[in-house]
Amino acid sequence: MSEKKSELKDRIKSVRKFRLFTQEELGQKLGVTKSAVAAWETGRNSPAPLMLKELSKLLNCSLEWLSSDESEITGQWAERIKVEHPDKVDNENYDRNRIMEDVSYVATNITRLGLEDKLTQSDMKLLKSIIDIIEEREEINNTSK
């Protein structure tokens, strides 16, 4: 039997924080209470298999990673679980700064990969498609307001 590298409760908590959801926000999106989410994150209870599948979809992480005791919590997820308050402060500047940090990281690495000749034309088409999707989403959001 493999050594347990992390627990479900810690993976749920770390990915929730990484995606910048409060327990209440996550609960609302899943149709459960904040208390239910808190119970998952403390290990008092575990989500049902179908709920675990919904969690993985909503939090944009693989079901295999979320449900496996052999999964490690590494990198940015581990960093954020240690330093962030369990429920983020509702602060537009905080969210914007986090987004801008991520944008800076992505831009720096795309530039580096380009300079190292590691980007292909297909990679560039994919990146442009992602940007187009984001811009279309924003146009839709702006027209529906």
Protein backbone atom coordinates (compact mmCIF):
# COMPACT_ATOMS: atom_id res chain seq x y z
CA MET A 1 0.00 0.00 0.00
CA SER A 2 1.33 3.43 -0.92
CA GLU A 3 2.18 6.04 1.64
CA LYS A 4 -0.50 8.67 2.18
CA LYS A 5 0.88 11.96 0.82
CA SER A 6 -2.08 14.19 1.61
CA GLU A 7 -5.64 13.99 2.82
CA LEU A 8 -8.83 14.82 0.95
CA LYS A 9 -9.65 17.58 3.44
CA ASP A 10 -6.36 19.35 2.69
CA ARG A 11 -6.71 19.00 -1.07
CA ILE A 12 -10.25 20.44 -0.99
CA LYS A 13 -9.12 23.35 1.17
CA SER A 14 -6.02 24.12 -0.88
CA VAL A 15 -7.74 24.07 -4.27
CA ARG A 16 -10.67 26.13 -2.92
CA LYS A 17 -8.26 28.78 -1.71
CA PHE A 18 -6.24 28.59 -4.91
CA ARG A 19 -9.43 29.31 -6.87
CA LEU A 20 -10.25 32.17 -4.44
CA PHE A 21 -13.57 30.84 -3.17
CA THR A 22 -14.77 31.31 0.38
CA GLN A 23 -16.40 28.29 2.01
CA GLU A 24 -19.73 30.06 1.62
CA GLU A 25 -19.21 30.79 -2.10
CA LEU A 26 -18.20 27.21 -2.80
CA GLY A 27 -21.17 25.89 -0.85
CA GLN A 28 -23.58 28.13 -2.77
CA LYS A 29 -22.22 26.97 -6.11
CA LEU A 30 -22.57 23.32 -5.05
CA GLY A 31 -25.94 23.72 -3.32
CA VAL A 32 -24.61 22.90 0.15
CA THR A 33 -24.05 24.95 3.28
CA LYS A 34 -20.86 26.65 4.40
CA SER A 35 -20.91 24.19 7.30
CA ALA A 36 -20.82 21.25 4.90
CA VAL A 37 -17.74 22.67 3.16
CA ALA A 38 -16.12 23.36 6.54
CA ALA A 39 -16.82 19.75 7.58
CA TRP A 40 -15.08 18.47 4.43
CA GLU A 41 -12.08 20.71 5.10
CA THR A 42 -11.70 19.62 8.71
CA GLY A 43 -12.23 15.95 7.93
CA ARG A 44 -15.42 15.66 10.00
CA ASN A 45 -17.23 14.55 6.86
CA SER A 46 -16.41 13.71 3.24
CA PRO A 47 -18.31 14.69 0.12
CA ALA A 48 -20.30 11.95 -1.59
CA PRO A 49 -18.74 10.58 -4.81
CA LEU A 50 -21.07 12.62 -7.04
CA MET A 51 -20.33 15.77 -5.02
CA LEU A 52 -16.61 15.06 -5.32
CA LYS A 53 -17.05 14.91 -9.10
CA GLU A 54 -18.89 18.28 -9.03
CA LEU A 55 -16.14 19.73 -6.83
CA SER A 56 -13.47 18.70 -9.31
CA LYS A 57 -15.41 20.30 -12.18
CA LEU A 58 -16.12 23.54 -10.32
CA LEU A 59 -12.58 23.87 -8.97
CA ASN A 60 -11.06 22.86 -12.31
CA CYS A 61 -8.85 20.10 -10.94
CA SER A 62 -8.73 16.44 -11.85
CA LEU A 63 -11.02 14.07 -9.98
CA GLU A 64 -8.12 11.64 -9.73
CA TRP A 65 -5.93 14.24 -8.01
CA LEU A 66 -8.72 15.37 -5.71
CA SER A 67 -9.69 11.87 -4.60
CA SER A 68 -6.27 10.18 -4.39
CA ASP A 69 -4.39 9.80 -1.10
CA GLU A 70 -1.24 9.54 -3.21
CA SER A 71 -1.63 13.11 -4.51
CA GLU A 72 0.72 15.70 -3.10
CA ILE A 73 -0.16 19.33 -2.51
CA THR A 74 2.69 21.23 -4.08
CA GLY A 75 3.69 24.58 -5.47
CA GLN A 76 1.30 27.51 -5.42
CA TRP A 77 -1.51 25.48 -3.86
CA ALA A 78 0.60 24.55 -0.85
CA GLU A 79 1.87 28.13 -0.53
CA ARG A 80 -1.61 29.61 -0.49
CA ILE A 81 -3.11 27.15 1.97
CA LYS A 82 -0.49 28.19 4.55
CA VAL A 83 -0.64 31.95 4.17
CA GLU A 84 -4.25 32.78 3.39
CA HIS A 85 -7.02 33.31 5.85
CA PRO A 86 -9.65 30.57 5.47
CA ASP A 87 -12.17 33.01 4.03
CA LYS A 88 -10.74 35.67 1.77
CA VAL A 89 -11.48 39.30 2.42
CA ASP A 90 -13.90 40.66 -0.16
CA ASN A 91 -11.57 43.22 -1.61
CA GLU A 92 -11.50 44.14 -5.30
CA ASN A 93 -7.91 45.39 -5.06
CA TYR A 94 -6.79 42.13 -3.48
CA ASP A 95 -8.41 40.10 -6.28
CA ARG A 96 -7.05 42.43 -8.96
CA ASN A 97 -3.52 42.24 -7.51
CA ARG A 98 -3.70 38.44 -7.47
CA ILE A 99 -4.86 38.40 -11.08
CA MET A 100 -2.12 40.83 -12.11
CA GLU A 101 0.52 38.69 -10.38
CA ASP A 102 -0.70 35.68 -12.37
CA VAL A 103 -0.82 37.72 -15.60
CA SER A 104 2.75 38.84 -15.01
CA TYR A 105 3.85 35.25 -14.39
CA VAL A 106 2.15 34.02 -17.58
CA ALA A 107 3.48 36.88 -19.71
CA THR A 108 7.03 36.41 -18.42
CA ASN A 109 6.98 32.70 -19.13
CA ILE A 110 5.43 33.05 -22.58
CA THR A 111 8.15 35.58 -23.44
CA ARG A 112 10.86 33.28 -22.07
CA LEU A 113 9.51 30.30 -24.03
CA GLY A 114 9.35 32.42 -27.18
CA LEU A 115 12.94 33.59 -26.77
CA GLU A 116 14.08 30.01 -26.18
CA ASP A 117 12.30 28.93 -29.40
CA LYS A 118 10.09 26.55 -27.42
CA LEU A 119 6.77 27.92 -28.72
CA THR A 120 5.27 26.51 -31.89
CA GLN A 121 2.79 28.12 -34.25
CA SER A 122 0.15 25.78 -32.75
CA ASP A 123 0.99 27.07 -29.27
CA MET A 124 0.51 30.65 -30.47
CA LYS A 125 -2.84 29.80 -32.08
CA LEU A 126 -3.97 28.22 -28.81
CA LEU A 127 -2.91 31.26 -26.78
CA LYS A 128 -4.65 33.61 -29.21
CA SER A 129 -7.81 31.47 -29.02
CA ILE A 130 -7.79 31.69 -25.23
CA ILE A 131 -7.48 35.48 -25.40
CA ASP A 132 -10.35 35.65 -27.93
CA ILE A 133 -12.56 33.54 -25.64
CA ILE A 134 -11.83 35.82 -22.66
CA GLU A 135 -12.56 38.95 -24.71
CA GLU A 136 -15.84 37.46 -26.02
CA ARG A 137 -16.86 36.56 -22.48
CA GLU A 138 -16.19 40.13 -21.35
CA GLU A 139 -18.23 41.54 -24.25
CA ILE A 140 -21.14 39.28 -23.29
CA ASN A 141 -20.83 40.30 -19.62
CA ASN A 142 -20.74 43.99 -20.54
CA THR A 143 -23.80 43.80 -22.81
CA SER A 144 -25.85 41.90 -20.21
CA LYS A 145 -25.32 44.58 -17.53
